N, C-alpha and C. Protein backbone atom coordinates (compact mmCIF):
# COMPACT_ATOMS: atom_id res chain seq x y z
N MET A 1 0.83 -1.17 0.00
CA MET A 1 0.00 0.00 0.00
C MET A 1 0.89 1.24 0.00
N VAL A 2 0.69 2.13 -0.93
CA VAL A 2 1.46 3.37 -1.03
C VAL A 2 0.60 4.51 -0.52
N ILE A 3 1.19 5.30 0.38
CA ILE A 3 0.46 6.43 0.95
C ILE A 3 1.10 7.71 0.45
N SER A 4 0.29 8.56 -0.10
CA SER A 4 0.77 9.84 -0.58
C SER A 4 1.17 10.69 0.61
N ALA A 5 2.19 11.52 0.42
CA ALA A 5 2.63 12.42 1.49
C ALA A 5 1.54 13.41 1.89
N LEU A 6 0.56 13.60 1.00
CA LEU A 6 -0.50 14.56 1.28
C LEU A 6 -1.69 13.93 2.01
N GLU A 7 -1.74 12.63 2.08
CA GLU A 7 -2.85 11.96 2.76
C GLU A 7 -2.69 12.07 4.27
N ARG A 8 -3.80 12.33 4.94
CA ARG A 8 -3.78 12.35 6.40
C ARG A 8 -4.13 10.95 6.88
N PRO A 9 -3.49 10.50 7.95
CA PRO A 9 -3.81 9.17 8.47
C PRO A 9 -5.21 9.12 9.05
N ASP A 10 -5.80 7.96 8.99
CA ASP A 10 -7.10 7.73 9.59
C ASP A 10 -6.94 7.88 11.10
N PRO A 11 -7.72 8.76 11.76
CA PRO A 11 -7.56 8.97 13.20
C PRO A 11 -7.73 7.70 14.03
N SER A 12 -8.45 6.73 13.52
CA SER A 12 -8.62 5.49 14.28
C SER A 12 -7.34 4.67 14.32
N HIS A 13 -6.36 5.03 13.46
CA HIS A 13 -5.10 4.30 13.42
C HIS A 13 -3.95 5.06 14.07
N VAL A 14 -4.26 6.17 14.74
CA VAL A 14 -3.23 6.96 15.40
C VAL A 14 -2.78 6.24 16.67
N ASP A 15 -1.50 6.17 16.86
CA ASP A 15 -0.93 5.53 18.04
C ASP A 15 -1.43 6.23 19.30
N PRO A 16 -1.99 5.51 20.24
CA PRO A 16 -2.53 6.14 21.45
C PRO A 16 -1.47 6.86 22.28
N ARG A 17 -0.19 6.52 22.08
CA ARG A 17 0.87 7.23 22.82
C ARG A 17 0.91 8.70 22.46
N HIS A 18 0.50 9.04 21.22
CA HIS A 18 0.47 10.45 20.82
C HIS A 18 -0.51 11.22 21.68
N ALA A 19 -1.67 10.63 21.93
CA ALA A 19 -2.69 11.31 22.74
C ALA A 19 -2.19 11.50 24.17
N VAL A 20 -1.53 10.50 24.72
CA VAL A 20 -1.02 10.60 26.09
C VAL A 20 0.05 11.68 26.17
N VAL A 21 0.99 11.68 25.24
CA VAL A 21 2.04 12.68 25.25
C VAL A 21 1.45 14.07 25.01
N GLY A 22 0.50 14.18 24.11
CA GLY A 22 -0.17 15.46 23.87
C GLY A 22 -0.85 15.98 25.12
N GLU A 23 -1.53 15.12 25.84
CA GLU A 23 -2.19 15.53 27.08
C GLU A 23 -1.18 15.96 28.13
N LEU A 24 -0.05 15.26 28.21
CA LEU A 24 0.99 15.64 29.16
C LEU A 24 1.58 17.01 28.82
N VAL A 25 1.76 17.28 27.53
CA VAL A 25 2.27 18.60 27.12
C VAL A 25 1.26 19.68 27.51
N HIS A 26 -0.04 19.43 27.29
CA HIS A 26 -1.07 20.38 27.72
C HIS A 26 -1.00 20.62 29.22
N GLN A 27 -0.86 19.56 30.00
CA GLN A 27 -0.79 19.69 31.45
C GLN A 27 0.45 20.47 31.88
N CYS A 28 1.55 20.27 31.18
CA CYS A 28 2.76 21.07 31.46
C CYS A 28 2.45 22.55 31.22
N GLY A 29 1.70 22.81 30.17
CA GLY A 29 1.32 24.19 29.86
C GLY A 29 0.48 24.83 30.95
N TRP A 30 -0.19 24.01 31.73
CA TRP A 30 -1.00 24.50 32.86
C TRP A 30 -0.18 24.56 34.15
N GLY A 31 1.13 24.25 34.04
CA GLY A 31 2.00 24.32 35.20
C GLY A 31 2.07 23.07 36.05
N ASP A 32 1.64 21.94 35.51
CA ASP A 32 1.63 20.68 36.26
C ASP A 32 3.01 20.03 36.21
N GLU A 33 3.77 20.16 37.31
CA GLU A 33 5.12 19.61 37.34
C GLU A 33 5.13 18.08 37.32
N SER A 34 4.10 17.45 37.86
CA SER A 34 4.05 15.98 37.80
C SER A 34 3.87 15.51 36.37
N ALA A 35 3.18 16.31 35.54
CA ALA A 35 3.05 15.97 34.12
C ALA A 35 4.39 16.06 33.42
N LEU A 36 5.21 17.04 33.82
CA LEU A 36 6.55 17.14 33.25
C LEU A 36 7.38 15.92 33.61
N ALA A 37 7.28 15.47 34.84
CA ALA A 37 8.02 14.28 35.26
C ALA A 37 7.56 13.06 34.47
N ASP A 38 6.24 12.93 34.25
CA ASP A 38 5.71 11.82 33.47
C ASP A 38 6.15 11.92 32.02
N LEU A 39 6.11 13.14 31.47
CA LEU A 39 6.57 13.36 30.10
C LEU A 39 8.04 12.98 29.97
N PHE A 40 8.83 13.36 30.95
CA PHE A 40 10.26 13.01 30.97
C PHE A 40 10.41 11.48 30.94
N ASP A 41 9.68 10.78 31.81
CA ASP A 41 9.78 9.32 31.87
C ASP A 41 9.38 8.67 30.54
N ARG A 42 8.37 9.20 29.88
CA ARG A 42 7.85 8.59 28.65
C ARG A 42 8.66 8.95 27.41
N THR A 43 9.39 10.07 27.44
CA THR A 43 10.02 10.55 26.21
C THR A 43 11.53 10.70 26.32
N TYR A 44 12.11 10.35 27.45
CA TYR A 44 13.53 10.57 27.68
C TYR A 44 14.40 9.98 26.56
N PHE A 45 14.15 8.73 26.20
CA PHE A 45 15.01 8.08 25.20
C PHE A 45 14.86 8.74 23.83
N LEU A 46 13.67 9.22 23.51
CA LEU A 46 13.47 9.96 22.26
C LEU A 46 14.29 11.25 22.28
N VAL A 47 14.21 11.99 23.37
CA VAL A 47 14.93 13.26 23.47
C VAL A 47 16.44 13.02 23.40
N VAL A 48 16.94 12.01 24.09
CA VAL A 48 18.37 11.69 24.02
C VAL A 48 18.77 11.35 22.59
N ALA A 49 17.94 10.58 21.90
CA ALA A 49 18.24 10.20 20.51
C ALA A 49 18.29 11.43 19.60
N VAL A 50 17.37 12.37 19.80
CA VAL A 50 17.36 13.59 18.99
C VAL A 50 18.60 14.43 19.29
N VAL A 51 18.94 14.56 20.57
CA VAL A 51 20.14 15.31 20.96
C VAL A 51 21.38 14.69 20.31
N ARG A 52 21.48 13.38 20.36
CA ARG A 52 22.65 12.71 19.76
C ARG A 52 22.66 12.86 18.24
N ALA A 53 21.50 12.69 17.62
CA ALA A 53 21.41 12.79 16.16
C ALA A 53 21.75 14.21 15.68
N ALA A 54 21.44 15.19 16.52
CA ALA A 54 21.73 16.58 16.16
C ALA A 54 23.20 16.93 16.39
N GLY A 55 23.95 15.97 16.92
CA GLY A 55 25.37 16.20 17.13
C GLY A 55 25.69 17.04 18.34
N ARG A 56 24.75 17.12 19.29
CA ARG A 56 24.96 17.94 20.48
C ARG A 56 25.54 17.15 21.64
N SER A 57 25.94 15.94 21.35
CA SER A 57 26.53 15.11 22.39
C SER A 57 27.91 14.68 21.93
N SER A 58 28.90 15.06 22.70
CA SER A 58 30.27 14.68 22.34
C SER A 58 30.64 13.34 22.94
N GLY A 59 29.65 12.71 23.58
CA GLY A 59 29.93 11.45 24.24
C GLY A 59 30.21 11.65 25.71
N ARG A 60 30.43 12.90 26.12
CA ARG A 60 30.65 13.20 27.54
C ARG A 60 29.29 13.27 28.22
N GLU A 61 29.13 12.49 29.27
CA GLU A 61 27.83 12.35 29.92
C GLU A 61 27.28 13.68 30.43
N GLY A 62 28.11 14.51 31.03
CA GLY A 62 27.64 15.79 31.56
C GLY A 62 27.11 16.72 30.49
N GLU A 63 27.79 16.73 29.34
CA GLU A 63 27.36 17.58 28.23
C GLU A 63 26.02 17.10 27.68
N SER A 64 25.87 15.80 27.54
CA SER A 64 24.61 15.24 27.05
C SER A 64 23.48 15.52 28.02
N ALA A 65 23.74 15.35 29.30
CA ALA A 65 22.71 15.58 30.32
C ALA A 65 22.27 17.04 30.30
N ALA A 66 23.21 17.97 30.13
CA ALA A 66 22.87 19.39 30.08
C ALA A 66 21.98 19.69 28.87
N ALA A 67 22.31 19.10 27.73
CA ALA A 67 21.50 19.32 26.52
C ALA A 67 20.10 18.75 26.69
N VAL A 68 19.99 17.59 27.31
CA VAL A 68 18.67 16.98 27.52
C VAL A 68 17.85 17.81 28.50
N LEU A 69 18.45 18.24 29.61
CA LEU A 69 17.71 19.08 30.57
C LEU A 69 17.31 20.40 29.95
N ASN A 70 18.18 20.97 29.12
CA ASN A 70 17.83 22.20 28.43
C ASN A 70 16.63 21.97 27.50
N ALA A 71 16.59 20.81 26.85
CA ALA A 71 15.47 20.49 25.97
C ALA A 71 14.16 20.44 26.76
N TYR A 72 14.19 19.80 27.92
CA TYR A 72 12.97 19.73 28.73
C TYR A 72 12.59 21.10 29.30
N ARG A 73 13.57 21.92 29.62
CA ARG A 73 13.27 23.27 30.07
C ARG A 73 12.57 24.03 28.95
N TRP A 74 13.07 23.88 27.74
CA TRP A 74 12.48 24.55 26.58
C TRP A 74 11.04 24.06 26.36
N ILE A 75 10.85 22.75 26.45
CA ILE A 75 9.51 22.17 26.29
C ILE A 75 8.57 22.74 27.35
N TRP A 76 9.04 22.80 28.60
CA TRP A 76 8.22 23.32 29.70
C TRP A 76 7.76 24.75 29.41
N HIS A 77 8.69 25.58 28.94
CA HIS A 77 8.35 26.98 28.68
C HIS A 77 7.51 27.17 27.42
N ARG A 78 7.62 26.26 26.47
CA ARG A 78 6.84 26.37 25.23
C ARG A 78 5.50 25.65 25.32
N SER A 79 5.32 24.80 26.30
CA SER A 79 4.11 23.97 26.39
C SER A 79 2.80 24.76 26.48
N PRO A 80 2.77 25.97 27.07
CA PRO A 80 1.50 26.70 27.06
C PRO A 80 1.02 27.05 25.65
N HIS A 81 1.93 27.01 24.69
CA HIS A 81 1.59 27.36 23.30
C HIS A 81 1.34 26.13 22.43
N TYR A 82 1.31 24.95 23.07
CA TYR A 82 1.12 23.70 22.33
C TYR A 82 -0.26 23.65 21.69
N VAL A 83 -0.27 23.34 20.42
CA VAL A 83 -1.49 23.06 19.66
C VAL A 83 -1.23 21.77 18.91
N GLU A 84 -2.15 20.83 19.00
CA GLU A 84 -1.96 19.55 18.32
C GLU A 84 -1.68 19.82 16.84
N ALA A 85 -0.49 19.52 16.44
CA ALA A 85 -0.05 19.78 15.07
C ALA A 85 -0.37 18.58 14.18
N GLU A 86 -0.24 18.78 12.90
CA GLU A 86 -0.47 17.68 11.97
C GLU A 86 0.46 16.51 12.24
N ARG A 87 1.65 16.80 12.74
CA ARG A 87 2.62 15.74 13.00
C ARG A 87 2.39 15.09 14.36
N GLY A 88 1.47 15.60 15.14
CA GLY A 88 1.17 15.01 16.43
C GLY A 88 2.11 15.47 17.52
N ALA A 89 1.89 14.93 18.70
CA ALA A 89 2.64 15.34 19.88
C ALA A 89 4.12 15.02 19.75
N PHE A 90 4.45 13.87 19.20
CA PHE A 90 5.86 13.51 19.07
C PHE A 90 6.57 14.42 18.07
N GLY A 91 5.89 14.80 17.01
CA GLY A 91 6.48 15.75 16.05
C GLY A 91 6.74 17.10 16.70
N TRP A 92 5.76 17.57 17.49
CA TRP A 92 5.92 18.83 18.22
C TRP A 92 7.11 18.73 19.17
N LEU A 93 7.19 17.62 19.87
CA LEU A 93 8.26 17.40 20.84
C LEU A 93 9.63 17.44 20.16
N VAL A 94 9.77 16.70 19.07
CA VAL A 94 11.04 16.67 18.33
C VAL A 94 11.40 18.07 17.83
N ASP A 95 10.43 18.78 17.26
CA ASP A 95 10.69 20.14 16.78
C ASP A 95 11.23 21.03 17.90
N HIS A 96 10.62 20.90 19.08
CA HIS A 96 11.03 21.76 20.19
C HIS A 96 12.34 21.32 20.82
N VAL A 97 12.64 20.05 20.77
CA VAL A 97 13.97 19.60 21.21
C VAL A 97 15.02 20.21 20.28
N LEU A 98 14.79 20.15 18.98
CA LEU A 98 15.73 20.73 18.02
C LEU A 98 15.86 22.23 18.22
N ASP A 99 14.73 22.91 18.47
CA ASP A 99 14.79 24.35 18.74
C ASP A 99 15.64 24.65 19.98
N SER A 100 15.52 23.80 21.00
CA SER A 100 16.26 24.03 22.24
C SER A 100 17.76 23.90 22.03
N LEU A 101 18.17 23.18 20.99
CA LEU A 101 19.58 22.96 20.70
C LEU A 101 20.18 24.06 19.83
N ASP A 102 19.33 24.93 19.31
CA ASP A 102 19.77 25.98 18.40
C ASP A 102 19.86 27.31 19.16
N PRO A 103 21.06 27.78 19.48
CA PRO A 103 21.19 29.02 20.25
C PRO A 103 20.53 30.22 19.57
N ALA A 104 20.41 30.19 18.24
CA ALA A 104 19.75 31.29 17.54
C ALA A 104 18.26 31.34 17.88
N VAL A 105 17.69 30.19 18.26
CA VAL A 105 16.27 30.12 18.61
C VAL A 105 16.08 30.24 20.11
N SER A 106 16.84 29.47 20.88
CA SER A 106 16.60 29.35 22.32
C SER A 106 17.42 30.31 23.17
N GLY A 107 18.44 30.94 22.60
CA GLY A 107 19.29 31.81 23.40
C GLY A 107 20.35 31.00 24.12
N PRO A 108 21.12 31.65 24.97
CA PRO A 108 22.18 30.93 25.68
C PRO A 108 21.62 29.91 26.66
N VAL A 109 22.36 28.86 26.86
CA VAL A 109 21.94 27.80 27.78
C VAL A 109 22.28 28.24 29.19
N ALA A 110 21.27 28.18 30.07
CA ALA A 110 21.46 28.53 31.48
C ALA A 110 21.19 27.28 32.32
N PRO A 111 21.63 27.29 33.57
CA PRO A 111 21.34 26.13 34.42
C PRO A 111 19.84 25.88 34.51
N ALA A 112 19.46 24.62 34.45
CA ALA A 112 18.05 24.25 34.47
C ALA A 112 17.45 24.48 35.84
N PRO A 113 16.31 25.22 35.92
CA PRO A 113 15.67 25.47 37.20
C PRO A 113 14.73 24.35 37.63
N ILE A 114 14.54 23.36 36.79
CA ILE A 114 13.57 22.31 37.06
C ILE A 114 14.29 21.10 37.64
N ASP A 115 13.84 20.63 38.79
CA ASP A 115 14.41 19.45 39.42
C ASP A 115 13.45 18.30 39.19
N LEU A 116 13.76 17.45 38.21
CA LEU A 116 12.86 16.34 37.87
C LEU A 116 12.90 15.23 38.90
N GLY A 117 13.83 15.28 39.83
CA GLY A 117 13.93 14.25 40.84
C GLY A 117 13.20 14.62 42.12
N ALA A 118 12.72 15.84 42.21
CA ALA A 118 12.06 16.30 43.43
C ALA A 118 10.65 15.75 43.51
N THR A 119 10.20 15.52 44.70
CA THR A 119 8.80 15.12 44.92
C THR A 119 8.12 16.25 45.65
N GLY A 120 6.82 16.34 45.38
CA GLY A 120 6.30 17.43 45.99
C GLY A 120 5.07 17.83 46.37
């Protein structure tokens, strides 16, 4: 079966993980820190893969961790503006991870104010 790039997928065939991640991004936009922790748990490996693919990881663990935390900080601050895009929640997430890695878009990297290990 060949699918044209212009065809939209049948909504009944959309991976339910997109809906969960989309809802978590919305909750982050409302300031729900537990949603950010859940989003982190569900998407960490995706974010690390995007950071590595973008060449922002020299293999040094500290540098990679800083880039990943910066990506989640960027997602947290951009989440109030989240609108379900044609590419879905994962597409939005990847776009914003890439934006967080581009100093021309995100500005200088500062220490992350979000403690994902805190309970509260």
